[in-house]
Amino acid sequence: MTKPSAPRRHLPTSPFKAPVAPVAKHFALGDRVSHDQFGLGTIVGVEDGVAMLVDFGARQARIVSPYTRMDKL
């Protein structure tokens, strides 16, 4: 069995660009959001950057960070 690889580091002398770090998304209570799977919703609970509870009308879902499939409206 092989060990999991460590994250690759960028050398300053490399001719290739360093990978861009994803921008952290910030949400607050009451924000309207759009989720790829669940649709439109309203944030009803926030857990300090770990997760949030979103009301999508028919159901509520706990969305865990990173929020890659959700955008603020």
Protein backbone atom coordinates (compact mmCIF):
# COMPACT_ATOMS: atom_id res chain seq x y z
CA MET A 1 0.00 0.00 0.00
CA THR A 2 1.26 3.49 -0.75
CA LYS A 3 1.13 6.52 1.46
CA PRO A 4 -1.20 9.37 0.52
CA SER A 5 0.72 12.07 -1.26
CA ALA A 6 1.46 15.33 0.51
CA PRO A 7 0.17 18.55 -1.01
CA ARG A 8 2.53 19.82 -3.68
CA ARG A 9 4.44 22.97 -2.91
CA HIS A 10 5.21 25.67 -5.43
CA LEU A 11 8.84 26.64 -5.87
CA PRO A 12 9.55 30.33 -6.54
CA THR A 13 11.83 29.38 -9.45
CA SER A 14 9.15 27.30 -11.17
CA PRO A 15 8.05 28.47 -14.64
CA PHE A 16 4.47 27.43 -13.83
CA LYS A 17 1.98 29.57 -11.95
CA ALA A 18 1.11 28.61 -8.39
CA PRO A 19 -2.37 27.13 -7.92
CA VAL A 20 -4.93 29.69 -6.84
CA ALA A 21 -6.44 29.13 -3.40
CA PRO A 22 -10.27 29.10 -3.44
CA VAL A 23 -11.92 32.20 -2.02
CA ALA A 24 -13.82 31.50 1.19
CA LYS A 25 -17.52 32.28 0.93
CA HIS A 26 -19.14 34.16 3.80
CA PHE A 27 -22.83 33.86 4.59
CA ALA A 28 -25.03 35.39 7.30
CA LEU A 29 -28.44 34.63 8.78
CA GLY A 30 -31.23 35.60 6.42
CA ASP A 31 -29.09 35.54 3.26
CA ARG A 32 -30.84 34.21 0.17
CA VAL A 33 -28.85 31.48 -1.58
CA SER A 34 -29.03 29.24 -4.61
CA HIS A 35 -27.84 25.62 -4.32
CA ASP A 36 -27.13 23.42 -7.36
CA GLN A 37 -29.13 20.48 -5.99
CA PHE A 38 -31.74 21.99 -3.63
CA GLY A 39 -32.54 25.28 -5.42
CA LEU A 40 -33.39 28.60 -3.74
CA GLY A 41 -33.25 28.91 0.02
CA THR A 42 -32.72 31.13 3.06
CA ILE A 43 -30.01 30.65 5.68
CA VAL A 44 -31.59 30.00 9.09
CA GLY A 45 -28.52 28.86 11.06
CA VAL A 46 -24.74 29.29 10.90
CA GLU A 47 -22.08 27.17 12.65
CA ASP A 48 -18.91 29.37 12.58
CA GLY A 49 -17.56 28.44 9.15
CA VAL A 50 -18.19 24.72 9.62
CA ALA A 51 -21.75 24.34 8.32
CA MET A 52 -25.06 26.14 7.92
CA LEU A 53 -28.73 25.26 8.04
CA VAL A 54 -30.65 26.37 4.96
CA ASP A 55 -34.44 26.39 4.53
CA PHE A 56 -35.32 25.39 0.97
CA GLY A 57 -39.09 25.60 1.49
CA ALA A 58 -39.98 21.91 1.27
CA ARG A 59 -37.11 20.91 3.56
CA GLN A 60 -34.16 22.16 5.58
CA ALA A 61 -30.65 20.96 4.83
CA ARG A 62 -27.36 21.23 6.72
CA ILE A 63 -24.72 22.29 4.20
CA VAL A 64 -21.10 21.62 5.21
CA SER A 65 -18.15 23.86 4.27
CA PRO A 66 -16.71 24.35 1.66
CA TYR A 67 -19.86 25.69 0.04
CA THR A 68 -18.81 24.96 -3.55
CA ARG A 69 -22.32 24.22 -4.82
CA MET A 70 -23.99 27.26 -3.22
CA ASP A 71 -23.98 30.92 -4.23
CA LYS A 72 -25.25 34.03 -2.47
CA LEU A 73 -27.98 35.94 -4.31
